[in-house]
Amino acid sequence: MDLKTVDHLLTTTRSVRKRLDLERPVPPELIEECIELAIQAPTGSNSQNWHFLVVTDADKKREIAGYYKPPLREYLNTLEGAEPRYPEGDPRRAQEARVYDSAWYLAEHLHEVPVHLIGCVEGRVETAGPLAQASLYGSILPALWSLMLALRSRGLGSAWTTLHLSAEAQIAKLLGMPENITQAALLPIAYFTGEEFKPARRIPGREVTSWNTWGARR
């Protein structure tokens, strides 16, 4: 493998919000191509129980966006006047304001994004234990991340969002989903504008890695 290309893809697949091109159509064939790549991801017990619901209908996108904005507004309101969540020097602190600003931008323009893709999986585990929950979500989350990587490699941006889940039942009804389907994430998809993406500032991996015992560093 060309590690330089692979590493570039992995370190520059960003959550794209402000740079989604709201005007340029996305060919359905391109979405289908990326889904074919996504379903090569691992799946628990070879169940392949995933489903990808692609929404391009303007009225349905507008209704989804209507459910998306209130929980974000409520969350951002709780942060007003609050102390910073992270101390000085933490890379997350420097990014906080920019992340919240871009999140609100997406909420205001979500209905304009050409494609909404909701990743789903068969089954419900609200009252199940950690094993069942991990197994169920483990059969859709890897596929959705592979999908984001496939989109990125083809000049498309996306963002991992879950705020729509505050109205999961209403959205399920809107889109005709069976009752045994769990929605995992909503990916707004569009071509991206501007220049190339760069790696994000992160806490170094060695600081969040333990060896053999929690907190033990190598």
Protein backbone atom coordinates (compact mmCIF):
# COMPACT_ATOMS: atom_id res chain seq x y z
CA MET A 1 0.00 0.00 0.00
CA ASP A 2 1.01 3.60 -0.53
CA LEU A 3 1.15 4.53 3.17
CA LYS A 4 1.52 8.23 2.41
CA THR A 5 -1.84 8.26 0.61
CA VAL A 6 -3.53 6.05 3.21
CA ASP A 7 -2.23 8.13 6.11
CA HIS A 8 -3.30 11.33 4.36
CA LEU A 9 -6.84 9.98 3.95
CA LEU A 10 -7.03 8.89 7.60
CA THR A 11 -5.66 12.15 9.02
CA THR A 12 -7.65 14.55 6.84
CA THR A 13 -11.14 13.03 6.93
CA ARG A 14 -12.78 15.84 8.87
CA SER A 15 -16.30 16.61 10.05
CA VAL A 16 -17.27 18.99 7.25
CA ARG A 17 -19.98 21.51 8.06
CA LYS A 18 -19.29 25.04 6.82
CA ARG A 19 -17.53 23.82 3.70
CA LEU A 20 -20.30 21.61 2.36
CA ASP A 21 -21.26 22.77 -1.14
CA LEU A 22 -24.99 23.38 -0.85
CA GLU A 23 -25.45 24.08 -4.57
CA ARG A 24 -23.66 21.24 -6.37
CA PRO A 25 -25.73 18.06 -6.88
CA VAL A 26 -24.30 14.73 -5.75
CA PRO A 27 -24.76 11.90 -8.27
CA PRO A 28 -26.74 9.00 -6.75
CA GLU A 29 -24.32 6.58 -8.41
CA LEU A 30 -21.48 8.03 -6.34
CA ILE A 31 -23.37 7.42 -3.08
CA GLU A 32 -24.09 3.85 -4.16
CA GLU A 33 -20.42 3.31 -5.03
CA CYS A 34 -19.36 4.47 -1.57
CA ILE A 35 -21.95 2.23 0.10
CA GLU A 36 -20.55 -0.78 -1.77
CA LEU A 37 -17.16 0.02 -0.26
CA ALA A 38 -18.66 0.65 3.18
CA ILE A 39 -20.24 -2.79 3.43
CA GLN A 40 -16.79 -4.40 3.31
CA ALA A 41 -16.46 -3.25 6.95
CA PRO A 42 -16.61 -5.79 9.81
CA THR A 43 -20.05 -6.98 10.88
CA GLY A 44 -20.88 -8.93 14.05
CA SER A 45 -21.43 -12.66 13.43
CA ASN A 46 -21.46 -11.85 9.70
CA SER A 47 -25.00 -10.56 10.24
CA GLN A 48 -24.70 -7.79 7.61
CA ASN A 49 -27.76 -6.28 9.26
CA TRP A 50 -27.01 -2.71 8.23
CA HIS A 51 -29.18 -0.41 6.16
CA PHE A 52 -28.42 2.96 4.58
CA LEU A 53 -31.37 5.27 4.13
CA VAL A 54 -30.52 8.01 1.62
CA VAL A 55 -32.73 11.10 1.76
CA THR A 56 -32.72 13.58 -1.12
CA ASP A 57 -36.39 14.65 -1.01
CA ALA A 58 -36.48 18.37 -0.17
CA ASP A 59 -39.56 18.20 2.06
CA LYS A 60 -38.21 15.28 4.08
CA LYS A 61 -34.83 16.94 4.51
CA ARG A 62 -36.56 20.09 5.72
CA GLU A 63 -38.56 18.11 8.30
CA ILE A 64 -35.44 16.29 9.53
CA ALA A 65 -33.65 19.63 9.86
CA GLY A 66 -36.58 20.91 11.92
CA TYR A 67 -36.05 18.13 14.45
CA TYR A 68 -32.27 18.59 14.40
CA LYS A 69 -32.03 22.23 15.47
CA PRO A 70 -33.90 22.36 18.86
CA PRO A 71 -31.63 19.93 20.78
CA LEU A 72 -28.54 21.72 19.49
CA ARG A 73 -29.94 25.10 20.53
CA GLU A 74 -30.74 23.70 23.99
CA TYR A 75 -27.23 22.28 24.32
CA LEU A 76 -25.51 25.49 23.23
CA ASN A 77 -27.69 27.51 25.61
CA THR A 78 -26.40 25.45 28.53
CA LEU A 79 -22.85 26.47 27.60
CA GLU A 80 -23.47 30.22 27.63
CA GLY A 81 -21.61 31.79 30.54
CA ALA A 82 -20.24 28.43 31.66
CA GLU A 83 -16.59 27.90 32.50
CA PRO A 84 -14.47 26.40 29.70
CA ARG A 85 -14.66 22.64 29.75
CA TYR A 86 -10.94 22.19 29.13
CA PRO A 87 -7.87 23.78 30.79
CA GLU A 88 -5.40 26.12 29.11
CA GLY A 89 -3.07 24.24 26.81
CA ASP A 90 -5.59 21.49 26.02
CA PRO A 91 -6.03 21.41 22.22
CA ARG A 92 -9.78 20.95 22.64
CA ARG A 93 -10.14 24.32 24.35
CA ALA A 94 -8.79 26.23 21.36
CA GLN A 95 -11.23 24.45 19.04
CA GLU A 96 -14.38 24.69 21.16
CA ALA A 97 -15.80 27.98 19.88
CA ARG A 98 -15.08 27.08 16.26
CA VAL A 99 -16.74 23.67 16.63
CA TYR A 100 -19.88 25.15 18.20
CA ASP A 101 -20.06 27.82 15.51
CA SER A 102 -19.77 25.29 12.69
CA ALA A 103 -22.30 22.98 14.38
CA TRP A 104 -24.87 25.79 14.47
CA TYR A 105 -24.11 26.67 10.85
CA LEU A 106 -24.86 23.09 9.84
CA ALA A 107 -28.11 23.12 11.83
CA GLU A 108 -29.25 26.26 10.01
CA HIS A 109 -28.39 24.84 6.59
CA LEU A 110 -29.01 21.12 7.06
CA HIS A 111 -32.10 21.19 4.85
CA GLU A 112 -29.97 22.58 2.00
CA VAL A 113 -27.37 19.81 2.07
CA PRO A 114 -27.89 17.68 -1.09
CA VAL A 115 -27.89 14.29 0.64
CA HIS A 116 -28.79 13.04 4.10
CA LEU A 117 -27.72 9.47 4.82
CA ILE A 118 -28.97 7.72 7.94
CA GLY A 119 -27.04 4.62 8.93
CA CYS A 120 -29.32 2.00 10.48
CA VAL A 121 -29.05 -1.48 11.90
CA GLU A 122 -31.66 -4.16 12.54
CA GLY A 123 -32.52 -4.66 16.21
CA ARG A 124 -33.13 -2.64 19.38
CA VAL A 125 -30.93 -2.76 22.49
CA GLU A 126 -32.16 0.06 24.74
CA THR A 127 -32.65 -2.26 27.70
CA ALA A 128 -29.87 -4.73 26.86
CA GLY A 129 -26.48 -4.99 28.51
CA PRO A 130 -23.10 -3.73 27.27
CA LEU A 131 -22.36 -6.86 25.20
CA ALA A 132 -25.56 -6.67 23.14
CA GLN A 133 -25.22 -2.91 22.68
CA ALA A 134 -21.60 -3.13 21.57
CA SER A 135 -22.41 -5.96 19.19
CA LEU A 136 -25.31 -4.13 17.57
CA TYR A 137 -23.56 -0.80 17.10
CA GLY A 138 -20.37 -2.61 16.12
CA SER A 139 -22.20 -3.83 13.04
CA ILE A 140 -22.98 -0.35 11.69
CA LEU A 141 -20.46 2.17 13.06
CA PRO A 142 -17.41 0.71 11.23
CA ALA A 143 -19.38 0.73 7.97
CA LEU A 144 -20.36 4.38 8.44
CA TRP A 145 -16.75 5.38 9.08
CA SER A 146 -15.66 3.46 5.97
CA LEU A 147 -18.38 5.33 4.11
CA MET A 148 -17.00 8.68 5.30
CA LEU A 149 -13.52 7.66 4.13
CA ALA A 150 -14.86 6.59 0.73
CA LEU A 151 -16.70 9.90 0.39
CA ARG A 152 -13.57 11.85 1.34
CA SER A 153 -11.47 10.06 -1.26
CA ARG A 154 -13.96 11.14 -3.94
CA GLY A 155 -14.07 14.81 -3.02
CA LEU A 156 -17.18 14.63 -0.84
CA GLY A 157 -17.47 15.94 2.70
CA SER A 158 -19.64 14.65 5.52
CA ALA A 159 -20.08 14.99 9.27
CA TRP A 160 -20.95 12.42 11.91
CA THR A 161 -24.10 13.73 13.62
CA THR A 162 -26.55 12.19 16.09
CA LEU A 163 -28.76 15.11 17.18
CA HIS A 164 -31.62 13.83 15.04
CA LEU A 165 -31.92 10.90 17.45
CA SER A 166 -33.77 13.13 19.91
CA ALA A 167 -36.66 12.66 17.47
CA GLU A 168 -35.82 9.14 16.34
CA ALA A 169 -39.41 7.92 16.47
CA GLN A 170 -40.74 10.87 14.45
CA ILE A 171 -38.04 10.50 11.83
CA ALA A 172 -38.63 6.76 11.63
CA LYS A 173 -42.30 7.45 10.93
CA LEU A 174 -41.43 10.12 8.36
CA LEU A 175 -39.18 7.71 6.47
CA GLY A 176 -41.30 4.57 6.90
CA MET A 177 -38.79 2.64 9.00
CA PRO A 178 -39.87 -0.62 10.69
CA GLU A 179 -40.04 -0.59 14.50
CA ASN A 180 -37.08 -2.98 14.90
CA ILE A 181 -34.64 -0.59 13.19
CA THR A 182 -32.08 1.43 15.18
CA GLN A 183 -30.73 4.64 13.69
CA ALA A 184 -27.04 5.13 14.46
CA ALA A 185 -26.00 8.39 12.79
CA LEU A 186 -26.98 10.98 10.21
CA LEU A 187 -24.34 11.95 7.63
CA PRO A 188 -25.01 15.16 5.68
CA ILE A 189 -23.17 14.67 2.38
CA ALA A 190 -22.00 17.16 -0.25
CA TYR A 191 -18.98 18.08 -2.28
CA PHE A 192 -16.69 20.29 -0.22
CA THR A 193 -15.46 23.75 -1.09
CA GLY A 194 -12.08 25.40 -0.61
CA GLU A 195 -8.66 23.88 -0.30
CA GLU A 196 -7.37 20.61 1.14
CA PHE A 197 -8.00 19.57 4.75
CA LYS A 198 -5.28 19.33 7.37
CA PRO A 199 -4.79 17.00 10.33
CA ALA A 200 -6.60 18.24 13.46
CA ARG A 201 -4.94 19.08 16.75
CA ARG A 202 -5.37 16.11 19.06
CA ILE A 203 -4.19 15.02 22.48
CA PRO A 204 -1.11 12.86 21.75
CA GLY A 205 -1.90 9.16 21.50
CA ARG A 206 0.64 8.25 24.19
CA GLU A 207 -1.36 10.31 26.71
CA VAL A 208 -4.51 8.28 26.15
CA THR A 209 -2.83 4.87 25.89
CA SER A 210 -2.30 2.48 28.79
CA TRP A 211 -0.24 -0.70 28.73
CA ASN A 212 -1.43 -3.73 30.73
CA THR A 213 -2.84 -1.53 33.56
CA TRP A 214 -4.99 1.59 33.34
CA GLY A 215 -2.77 4.66 33.45
CA ALA A 216 0.48 2.74 32.90
CA ARG A 217 2.59 4.29 30.14
CA ARG A 218 5.21 2.53 28.07
